Amino acid sequence: SKSEYVSSKRLTGPKPLPLIRVVE
C-alpha cells in the first residue's frame, strides 16, 4: 500500500540520480 512508502530522497552528484524510495 502507499503507506508502506516511508520516505523518498534524491542523491546528489554530478549526474542526475533517480528517485529512491525506501520501503518498510
mmCIF file of all heavy atoms, coordinates in Angstrom:
data_MODEL
# 
_entry.id   MODEL 
# 
loop_
_atom_site.group_PDB 
_atom_site.id 
_atom_site.type_symbol 
_atom_site.label_atom_id 
_atom_site.label_alt_id 
_atom_site.label_comp_id 
_atom_site.label_asym_id 
_atom_site.label_entity_id 
_atom_site.label_seq_id 
_atom_site.pdbx_PDB_ins_code 
_atom_site.Cartn_x 
_atom_site.Cartn_y 
_atom_site.Cartn_z 
_atom_site.occupancy 
_atom_site.B_iso_or_equiv 
_atom_site.pdbx_formal_charge 
_atom_site.auth_seq_id 
_atom_site.auth_comp_id 
_atom_site.auth_asym_id 
_atom_site.auth_atom_id 
_atom_site.pdbx_PDB_model_num 
ATOM 1   N N   . SER A 1 1  ? 0.851  -1.181 0.000   1.00 0.00 ? 1  SER A N   1 
ATOM 2   C CA  . SER A 1 1  ? 0.000  0.000  0.000   1.00 0.00 ? 1  SER A CA  1 
ATOM 3   C C   . SER A 1 1  ? 0.891  1.236  0.000   1.00 0.00 ? 1  SER A C   1 
ATOM 4   O O   . SER A 1 1  ? 2.079  1.168  0.275   1.00 0.00 ? 1  SER A O   1 
ATOM 5   C CB  . SER A 1 1  ? -0.898 0.001  1.236   1.00 0.00 ? 1  SER A CB  1 
ATOM 6   O OG  . SER A 1 1  ? -0.116 0.152  2.381   1.00 0.00 ? 1  SER A OG  1 
ATOM 7   N N   . LYS A 1 2  ? 0.276  2.366  -0.257  1.00 0.00 ? 2  LYS A N   1 
ATOM 8   C CA  . LYS A 1 2  ? 1.055  3.591  -0.279  1.00 0.00 ? 2  LYS A CA  1 
ATOM 9   C C   . LYS A 1 2  ? 1.611  3.938  1.091   1.00 0.00 ? 2  LYS A C   1 
ATOM 10  O O   . LYS A 1 2  ? 2.592  4.663  1.193   1.00 0.00 ? 2  LYS A O   1 
ATOM 11  C CB  . LYS A 1 2  ? 0.210  4.753  -0.807  1.00 0.00 ? 2  LYS A CB  1 
ATOM 12  C CG  . LYS A 1 2  ? -0.036 4.644  -2.281  1.00 0.00 ? 2  LYS A CG  1 
ATOM 13  C CD  . LYS A 1 2  ? -0.684 5.890  -2.801  1.00 0.00 ? 2  LYS A CD  1 
ATOM 14  C CE  . LYS A 1 2  ? -0.881 5.756  -4.292  1.00 0.00 ? 2  LYS A CE  1 
ATOM 15  N NZ  . LYS A 1 2  ? -1.467 6.941  -4.869  1.00 0.00 ? 2  LYS A NZ  1 
ATOM 16  N N   . SER A 1 3  ? 1.023  3.418  2.144   1.00 0.00 ? 3  SER A N   1 
ATOM 17  C CA  . SER A 1 3  ? 1.510  3.734  3.491   1.00 0.00 ? 3  SER A CA  1 
ATOM 18  C C   . SER A 1 3  ? 2.848  3.052  3.775   1.00 0.00 ? 3  SER A C   1 
ATOM 19  O O   . SER A 1 3  ? 3.538  3.421  4.715   1.00 0.00 ? 3  SER A O   1 
ATOM 20  C CB  . SER A 1 3  ? 0.470  3.324  4.540   1.00 0.00 ? 3  SER A CB  1 
ATOM 21  O OG  . SER A 1 3  ? 0.283  1.919  4.488   1.00 0.00 ? 3  SER A OG  1 
ATOM 22  N N   . GLU A 1 4  ? 3.206  2.040  2.971   1.00 0.00 ? 4  GLU A N   1 
ATOM 23  C CA  . GLU A 1 4  ? 4.487  1.367  3.187   1.00 0.00 ? 4  GLU A CA  1 
ATOM 24  C C   . GLU A 1 4  ? 5.656  2.221  2.707   1.00 0.00 ? 4  GLU A C   1 
ATOM 25  O O   . GLU A 1 4  ? 6.781  2.000  3.091   1.00 0.00 ? 4  GLU A O   1 
ATOM 26  C CB  . GLU A 1 4  ? 4.496  0.016  2.470   1.00 0.00 ? 4  GLU A CB  1 
ATOM 27  C CG  . GLU A 1 4  ? 3.631  -1.004 3.139   1.00 0.00 ? 4  GLU A CG  1 
ATOM 28  C CD  . GLU A 1 4  ? 3.671  -2.329 2.396   1.00 0.00 ? 4  GLU A CD  1 
ATOM 29  O OE1 . GLU A 1 4  ? 3.941  -2.332 1.174   1.00 0.00 ? 4  GLU A OE1 1 
ATOM 30  O OE2 . GLU A 1 4  ? 3.445  -3.351 3.031   1.00 0.00 ? 4  GLU A OE2 1 
ATOM 31  N N   . TYR A 1 5  ? 5.347  3.135  1.796   1.00 0.00 ? 5  TYR A N   1 
ATOM 32  C CA  . TYR A 1 5  ? 6.422  4.014  1.325   1.00 0.00 ? 5  TYR A CA  1 
ATOM 33  C C   . TYR A 1 5  ? 6.694  5.059  2.392   1.00 0.00 ? 5  TYR A C   1 
ATOM 34  O O   . TYR A 1 5  ? 5.912  5.983  2.576   1.00 0.00 ? 5  TYR A O   1 
ATOM 35  C CB  . TYR A 1 5  ? 6.025  4.684  0.006   1.00 0.00 ? 5  TYR A CB  1 
ATOM 36  C CG  . TYR A 1 5  ? 5.891  3.700  -1.129  1.00 0.00 ? 5  TYR A CG  1 
ATOM 37  C CD1 . TYR A 1 5  ? 4.641  3.302  -1.592  1.00 0.00 ? 5  TYR A CD1 1 
ATOM 38  C CD2 . TYR A 1 5  ? 7.025  3.158  -1.715  1.00 0.00 ? 5  TYR A CD2 1 
ATOM 39  C CE1 . TYR A 1 5  ? 4.524  2.401  -2.622  1.00 0.00 ? 5  TYR A CE1 1 
ATOM 40  C CE2 . TYR A 1 5  ? 6.908  2.248  -2.743  1.00 0.00 ? 5  TYR A CE2 1 
ATOM 41  C CZ  . TYR A 1 5  ? 5.662  1.876  -3.191  1.00 0.00 ? 5  TYR A CZ  1 
ATOM 42  O OH  . TYR A 1 5  ? 5.563  0.983  -4.204  1.00 0.00 ? 5  TYR A OH  1 
ATOM 43  N N   . VAL A 1 6  ? 7.790  4.886  3.094   1.00 0.00 ? 6  VAL A N   1 
ATOM 44  C CA  . VAL A 1 6  ? 8.092  5.750  4.233   1.00 0.00 ? 6  VAL A CA  1 
ATOM 45  C C   . VAL A 1 6  ? 8.660  7.079  3.785   1.00 0.00 ? 6  VAL A C   1 
ATOM 46  O O   . VAL A 1 6  ? 8.200  8.130  4.209   1.00 0.00 ? 6  VAL A O   1 
ATOM 47  C CB  . VAL A 1 6  ? 9.075  5.047  5.200   1.00 0.00 ? 6  VAL A CB  1 
ATOM 48  C CG1 . VAL A 1 6  ? 9.477  5.939  6.322   1.00 0.00 ? 6  VAL A CG1 1 
ATOM 49  C CG2 . VAL A 1 6  ? 8.476  3.758  5.694   1.00 0.00 ? 6  VAL A CG2 1 
ATOM 50  N N   . SER A 1 7  ? 9.658  7.030  2.956   1.00 0.00 ? 7  SER A N   1 
ATOM 51  C CA  . SER A 1 7  ? 10.261 8.291  2.514   1.00 0.00 ? 7  SER A CA  1 
ATOM 52  C C   . SER A 1 7  ? 10.946 8.075  1.175   1.00 0.00 ? 7  SER A C   1 
ATOM 53  O O   . SER A 1 7  ? 11.174 6.952  0.761   1.00 0.00 ? 7  SER A O   1 
ATOM 54  C CB  . SER A 1 7  ? 11.284 8.776  3.529   1.00 0.00 ? 7  SER A CB  1 
ATOM 55  O OG  . SER A 1 7  ? 12.388 7.892  3.549   1.00 0.00 ? 7  SER A OG  1 
ATOM 56  N N   . SER A 1 8  ? 11.218 9.153  0.537   1.00 0.00 ? 8  SER A N   1 
ATOM 57  C CA  . SER A 1 8  ? 11.990 9.080  -0.694  1.00 0.00 ? 8  SER A CA  1 
ATOM 58  C C   . SER A 1 8  ? 12.976 10.240 -0.682  1.00 0.00 ? 8  SER A C   1 
ATOM 59  O O   . SER A 1 8  ? 12.679 11.305 -0.150  1.00 0.00 ? 8  SER A O   1 
ATOM 60  C CB  . SER A 1 8  ? 11.075 9.139  -1.904  1.00 0.00 ? 8  SER A CB  1 
ATOM 61  O OG  . SER A 1 8  ? 10.423 10.384 -1.943  1.00 0.00 ? 8  SER A OG  1 
ATOM 62  N N   . LYS A 1 9  ? 14.140 9.983  -1.276  1.00 0.00 ? 9  LYS A N   1 
ATOM 63  C CA  . LYS A 1 9  ? 15.137 11.058 -1.308  1.00 0.00 ? 9  LYS A CA  1 
ATOM 64  C C   . LYS A 1 9  ? 15.922 10.948 -2.599  1.00 0.00 ? 9  LYS A C   1 
ATOM 65  O O   . LYS A 1 9  ? 15.971 9.903  -3.224  1.00 0.00 ? 9  LYS A O   1 
ATOM 66  C CB  . LYS A 1 9  ? 16.082 10.986 -0.101  1.00 0.00 ? 9  LYS A CB  1 
ATOM 67  C CG  . LYS A 1 9  ? 16.962 9.765  -0.058  1.00 0.00 ? 9  LYS A CG  1 
ATOM 68  C CD  . LYS A 1 9  ? 17.877 9.824  1.125   1.00 0.00 ? 9  LYS A CD  1 
ATOM 69  C CE  . LYS A 1 9  ? 18.783 8.601  1.127   1.00 0.00 ? 9  LYS A CE  1 
ATOM 70  N NZ  . LYS A 1 9  ? 19.737 8.632  2.187   1.00 0.00 ? 9  LYS A NZ  1 
ATOM 71  N N   . ARG A 1 10 ? 16.578 12.026 -2.960  1.00 0.00 ? 10 ARG A N   1 
ATOM 72  C CA  . ARG A 1 10 ? 17.355 12.070 -4.188  1.00 0.00 ? 10 ARG A CA  1 
ATOM 73  C C   . ARG A 1 10 ? 18.828 12.256 -3.800  1.00 0.00 ? 10 ARG A C   1 
ATOM 74  O O   . ARG A 1 10 ? 19.163 13.149 -3.036  1.00 0.00 ? 10 ARG A O   1 
ATOM 75  C CB  . ARG A 1 10 ? 16.887 13.245 -5.029  1.00 0.00 ? 10 ARG A CB  1 
ATOM 76  C CG  . ARG A 1 10 ? 17.437 13.263 -6.420  1.00 0.00 ? 10 ARG A CG  1 
ATOM 77  C CD  . ARG A 1 10 ? 16.582 14.255 -7.213  1.00 0.00 ? 10 ARG A CD  1 
ATOM 78  N NE  . ARG A 1 10 ? 16.819 14.291 -8.600  1.00 0.00 ? 10 ARG A NE  1 
ATOM 79  C CZ  . ARG A 1 10 ? 16.499 13.369 -9.485  1.00 0.00 ? 10 ARG A CZ  1 
ATOM 80  N NH1 . ARG A 1 10 ? 15.928 12.268 -9.084  1.00 0.00 ? 10 ARG A NH1 1 
ATOM 81  N NH2 . ARG A 1 10 ? 16.742 13.526 -10.760 1.00 0.00 ? 10 ARG A NH2 1 
ATOM 82  N N   . LEU A 1 11 ? 19.707 11.405 -4.329  1.00 0.00 ? 11 LEU A N   1 
ATOM 83  C CA  . LEU A 1 11 ? 21.141 11.544 -4.068  1.00 0.00 ? 11 LEU A CA  1 
ATOM 84  C C   . LEU A 1 11 ? 21.701 12.619 -4.983  1.00 0.00 ? 11 LEU A C   1 
ATOM 85  O O   . LEU A 1 11 ? 21.319 12.716 -6.153  1.00 0.00 ? 11 LEU A O   1 
ATOM 86  C CB  . LEU A 1 11 ? 21.878 10.214 -4.332  1.00 0.00 ? 11 LEU A CB  1 
ATOM 87  C CG  . LEU A 1 11 ? 21.533 9.059  -3.410  1.00 0.00 ? 11 LEU A CG  1 
ATOM 88  C CD1 . LEU A 1 11 ? 22.309 7.824  -3.849  1.00 0.00 ? 11 LEU A CD1 1 
ATOM 89  C CD2 . LEU A 1 11 ? 21.883 9.404  -1.973  1.00 0.00 ? 11 LEU A CD2 1 
ATOM 90  N N   . THR A 1 12 ? 22.619 13.411 -4.447  1.00 0.00 ? 12 THR A N   1 
ATOM 91  C CA  . THR A 1 12 ? 23.202 14.477 -5.259  1.00 0.00 ? 12 THR A CA  1 
ATOM 92  C C   . THR A 1 12 ? 24.496 13.985 -5.875  1.00 0.00 ? 12 THR A C   1 
ATOM 93  O O   . THR A 1 12 ? 25.180 13.136 -5.327  1.00 0.00 ? 12 THR A O   1 
ATOM 94  C CB  . THR A 1 12 ? 23.496 15.717 -4.405  1.00 0.00 ? 12 THR A CB  1 
ATOM 95  O OG1 . THR A 1 12 ? 24.394 15.358 -3.372  1.00 0.00 ? 12 THR A OG1 1 
ATOM 96  C CG2 . THR A 1 12 ? 22.232 16.297 -3.826  1.00 0.00 ? 12 THR A CG2 1 
ATOM 97  N N   . GLY A 1 13 ? 24.839 14.521 -6.978  1.00 0.00 ? 13 GLY A N   1 
ATOM 98  C CA  . GLY A 1 13 ? 26.064 14.140 -7.651  1.00 0.00 ? 13 GLY A CA  1 
ATOM 99  C C   . GLY A 1 13 ? 26.188 14.905 -8.945  1.00 0.00 ? 13 GLY A C   1 
ATOM 100 O O   . GLY A 1 13 ? 25.343 15.746 -9.270  1.00 0.00 ? 13 GLY A O   1 
ATOM 101 N N   . PRO A 1 14 ? 27.207 14.602 -9.704  1.00 0.00 ? 14 PRO A N   1 
ATOM 102 C CA  . PRO A 1 14 ? 27.395 15.333 -10.948 1.00 0.00 ? 14 PRO A CA  1 
ATOM 103 C C   . PRO A 1 14 ? 26.330 14.991 -11.986 1.00 0.00 ? 14 PRO A C   1 
ATOM 104 O O   . PRO A 1 14 ? 26.008 15.796 -12.830 1.00 0.00 ? 14 PRO A O   1 
ATOM 105 C CB  . PRO A 1 14 ? 28.773 14.896 -11.424 1.00 0.00 ? 14 PRO A CB  1 
ATOM 106 C CG  . PRO A 1 14 ? 29.064 13.611 -10.724 1.00 0.00 ? 14 PRO A CG  1 
ATOM 107 C CD  . PRO A 1 14 ? 28.280 13.672 -9.447  1.00 0.00 ? 14 PRO A CD  1 
ATOM 108 N N   . LYS A 1 15 ? 25.762 13.765 -11.906 1.00 0.00 ? 15 LYS A N   1 
ATOM 109 C CA  . LYS A 1 15 ? 24.721 13.339 -12.844 1.00 0.00 ? 15 LYS A CA  1 
ATOM 110 C C   . LYS A 1 15 ? 23.401 13.300 -12.084 1.00 0.00 ? 15 LYS A C   1 
ATOM 111 O O   . LYS A 1 15 ? 23.366 13.032 -10.898 1.00 0.00 ? 15 LYS A O   1 
ATOM 112 C CB  . LYS A 1 15 ? 25.036 11.944 -13.368 1.00 0.00 ? 15 LYS A CB  1 
ATOM 113 C CG  . LYS A 1 15 ? 26.367 11.856 -14.057 1.00 0.00 ? 15 LYS A CG  1 
ATOM 114 C CD  . LYS A 1 15 ? 26.677 10.431 -14.420 1.00 0.00 ? 15 LYS A CD  1 
ATOM 115 C CE  . LYS A 1 15 ? 28.073 10.318 -14.933 1.00 0.00 ? 15 LYS A CE  1 
ATOM 116 N NZ  . LYS A 1 15 ? 28.516 8.968  -15.115 1.00 0.00 ? 15 LYS A NZ  1 
ATOM 117 N N   . PRO A 1 16 ? 22.302 13.560 -12.746 1.00 0.00 ? 16 PRO A N   1 
ATOM 118 C CA  . PRO A 1 16 ? 21.017 13.463 -12.054 1.00 0.00 ? 16 PRO A CA  1 
ATOM 119 C C   . PRO A 1 16 ? 20.763 12.014 -11.650 1.00 0.00 ? 16 PRO A C   1 
ATOM 120 O O   . PRO A 1 16 ? 20.958 11.088 -12.429 1.00 0.00 ? 16 PRO A O   1 
ATOM 121 C CB  . PRO A 1 16 ? 19.994 13.943 -13.082 1.00 0.00 ? 16 PRO A CB  1 
ATOM 122 C CG  . PRO A 1 16 ? 20.701 13.942 -14.386 1.00 0.00 ? 16 PRO A CG  1 
ATOM 123 C CD  . PRO A 1 16 ? 22.172 13.977 -14.121 1.00 0.00 ? 16 PRO A CD  1 
ATOM 124 N N   . LEU A 1 17 ? 20.398 11.834 -10.416 1.00 0.00 ? 17 LEU A N   1 
ATOM 125 C CA  . LEU A 1 17 ? 20.181 10.492 -9.877  1.00 0.00 ? 17 LEU A CA  1 
ATOM 126 C C   . LEU A 1 17 ? 18.688 10.184 -9.847  1.00 0.00 ? 17 LEU A C   1 
ATOM 127 O O   . LEU A 1 17 ? 17.856 11.079 -9.704  1.00 0.00 ? 17 LEU A O   1 
ATOM 128 C CB  . LEU A 1 17 ? 20.776 10.406 -8.474  1.00 0.00 ? 17 LEU A CB  1 
ATOM 129 C CG  . LEU A 1 17 ? 22.285 10.654 -8.386  1.00 0.00 ? 17 LEU A CG  1 
ATOM 130 C CD1 . LEU A 1 17 ? 22.722 10.679 -6.932  1.00 0.00 ? 17 LEU A CD1 1 
ATOM 131 C CD2 . LEU A 1 17 ? 23.048 9.575  -9.128  1.00 0.00 ? 17 LEU A CD2 1 
ATOM 132 N N   . PRO A 1 18 ? 18.349 8.907  -9.940  1.00 0.00 ? 18 PRO A N   1 
ATOM 133 C CA  . PRO A 1 18 ? 16.923 8.544  -9.926  1.00 0.00 ? 18 PRO A CA  1 
ATOM 134 C C   . PRO A 1 18 ? 16.342 8.704  -8.524  1.00 0.00 ? 18 PRO A C   1 
ATOM 135 O O   . PRO A 1 18 ? 17.067 8.722  -7.535  1.00 0.00 ? 18 PRO A O   1 
ATOM 136 C CB  . PRO A 1 18 ? 16.936 7.072  -10.346 1.00 0.00 ? 18 PRO A CB  1 
ATOM 137 C CG  . PRO A 1 18 ? 18.265 6.575  -9.907  1.00 0.00 ? 18 PRO A CG  1 
ATOM 138 C CD  . PRO A 1 18 ? 19.193 7.746  -10.065 1.00 0.00 ? 18 PRO A CD  1 
ATOM 139 N N   . LEU A 1 19 ? 15.057 8.821  -8.487  1.00 0.00 ? 19 LEU A N   1 
ATOM 140 C CA  . LEU A 1 19 ? 14.353 8.916  -7.221  1.00 0.00 ? 19 LEU A CA  1 
ATOM 141 C C   . LEU A 1 19 ? 14.443 7.568  -6.505  1.00 0.00 ? 19 LEU A C   1 
ATOM 142 O O   . LEU A 1 19 ? 14.197 6.523  -7.100  1.00 0.00 ? 19 LEU A O   1 
ATOM 143 C CB  . LEU A 1 19 ? 12.875 9.283  -7.468  1.00 0.00 ? 19 LEU A CB  1 
ATOM 144 C CG  . LEU A 1 19 ? 12.052 9.540  -6.222  1.00 0.00 ? 19 LEU A CG  1 
ATOM 145 C CD1 . LEU A 1 19 ? 12.595 10.740 -5.480  1.00 0.00 ? 19 LEU A CD1 1 
ATOM 146 C CD2 . LEU A 1 19 ? 10.611 9.783  -6.632  1.00 0.00 ? 19 LEU A CD2 1 
ATOM 147 N N   . ILE A 1 20 ? 14.811 7.603  -5.245  1.00 0.00 ? 20 ILE A N   1 
ATOM 148 C CA  . ILE A 1 20 ? 14.964 6.371  -4.486  1.00 0.00 ? 20 ILE A CA  1 
ATOM 149 C C   . ILE A 1 20 ? 13.856 6.309  -3.446  1.00 0.00 ? 20 ILE A C   1 
ATOM 150 O O   . ILE A 1 20 ? 13.655 7.250  -2.698  1.00 0.00 ? 20 ILE A O   1 
ATOM 151 C CB  . ILE A 1 20 ? 16.334 6.327  -3.794  1.00 0.00 ? 20 ILE A CB  1 
ATOM 152 C CG1 . ILE A 1 20 ? 17.450 6.368  -4.832  1.00 0.00 ? 20 ILE A CG1 1 
ATOM 153 C CG2 . ILE A 1 20 ? 16.462 5.070  -2.942  1.00 0.00 ? 20 ILE A CG2 1 
ATOM 154 C CD1 . ILE A 1 20 ? 18.806 6.511  -4.251  1.00 0.00 ? 20 ILE A CD1 1 
ATOM 155 N N   . ARG A 1 21 ? 13.182 5.175  -3.409  1.00 0.00 ? 21 ARG A N   1 
ATOM 156 C CA  . ARG A 1 21 ? 12.106 5.007  -2.441  1.00 0.00 ? 21 ARG A CA  1 
ATOM 157 C C   . ARG A 1 21 ? 12.554 3.998  -1.413  1.00 0.00 ? 21 ARG A C   1 
ATOM 158 O O   . ARG A 1 21 ? 13.020 2.917  -1.762  1.00 0.00 ? 21 ARG A O   1 
ATOM 159 C CB  . ARG A 1 21 ? 10.845 4.501  -3.127  1.00 0.00 ? 21 ARG A CB  1 
ATOM 160 C CG  . ARG A 1 21 ? 10.286 5.507  -4.066  1.00 0.00 ? 21 ARG A CG  1 
ATOM 161 C CD  . ARG A 1 21 ? 8.984  5.010  -4.672  1.00 0.00 ? 21 ARG A CD  1 
ATOM 162 N NE  . ARG A 1 21 ? 8.521  5.988  -5.617  1.00 0.00 ? 21 ARG A NE  1 
ATOM 163 C CZ  . ARG A 1 21 ? 8.351  5.761  -6.887  1.00 0.00 ? 21 ARG A CZ  1 
ATOM 164 N NH1 . ARG A 1 21 ? 8.584  4.562  -7.380  1.00 0.00 ? 21 ARG A NH1 1 
ATOM 165 N NH2 . ARG A 1 21 ? 7.941  6.706  -7.681  1.00 0.00 ? 21 ARG A NH2 1 
ATOM 166 N N   . VAL A 1 22 ? 12.388 4.358  -0.177  1.00 0.00 ? 22 VAL A N   1 
ATOM 167 C CA  . VAL A 1 22 ? 12.722 3.423  0.901   1.00 0.00 ? 22 VAL A CA  1 
ATOM 168 C C   . VAL A 1 22 ? 11.428 2.783  1.353   1.00 0.00 ? 22 VAL A C   1 
ATOM 169 O O   . VAL A 1 22 ? 10.482 3.484  1.705   1.00 0.00 ? 22 VAL A O   1 
ATOM 170 C CB  . VAL A 1 22 ? 13.419 4.156  2.079   1.00 0.00 ? 22 VAL A CB  1 
ATOM 171 C CG1 . VAL A 1 22 ? 13.718 3.177  3.194   1.00 0.00 ? 22 VAL A CG1 1 
ATOM 172 C CG2 . VAL A 1 22 ? 14.677 4.838  1.597   1.00 0.00 ? 22 VAL A CG2 1 
ATOM 173 N N   . VAL A 1 23 ? 11.412 1.498  1.315   1.00 0.00 ? 23 VAL A N   1 
ATOM 174 C CA  . VAL A 1 23 ? 10.197 0.748  1.637   1.00 0.00 ? 23 VAL A CA  1 
ATOM 175 C C   . VAL A 1 23 ? 10.394 0.034  2.942   1.00 0.00 ? 23 VAL A C   1 
ATOM 176 O O   . VAL A 1 23 ? 11.397 -0.614 3.167   1.00 0.00 ? 23 VAL A O   1 
ATOM 177 C CB  . VAL A 1 23 ? 9.889  -0.255 0.509   1.00 0.00 ? 23 VAL A CB  1 
ATOM 178 C CG1 . VAL A 1 23 ? 8.630  -1.045 0.838   1.00 0.00 ? 23 VAL A CG1 1 
ATOM 179 C CG2 . VAL A 1 23 ? 9.776  0.444  -0.816  1.00 0.00 ? 23 VAL A CG2 1 
ATOM 180 N N   . GLU A 1 24 ? 9.397  0.171  3.791   1.00 0.00 ? 24 GLU A N   1 
ATOM 181 C CA  . GLU A 1 24 ? 9.447  -0.513 5.088   1.00 0.00 ? 24 GLU A CA  1 
ATOM 182 C C   . GLU A 1 24 ? 8.901  -1.905 4.894   1.00 0.00 ? 24 GLU A C   1 
ATOM 183 O O   . GLU A 1 24 ? 7.827  -2.107 4.343   1.00 0.00 ? 24 GLU A O   1 
ATOM 184 C CB  . GLU A 1 24 ? 8.589  0.266  6.094   1.00 0.00 ? 24 GLU A CB  1 
ATOM 185 C CG  . GLU A 1 24 ? 8.850  -0.115 7.511   1.00 0.00 ? 24 GLU A CG  1 
ATOM 186 C CD  . GLU A 1 24 ? 8.017  0.773  8.405   1.00 0.00 ? 24 GLU A CD  1 
ATOM 187 O OE1 . GLU A 1 24 ? 8.426  1.923  8.631   1.00 0.00 ? 24 GLU A OE1 1 
ATOM 188 O OE2 . GLU A 1 24 ? 6.973  0.314  8.859   1.00 0.00 ? 24 GLU A OE2 1 
# 
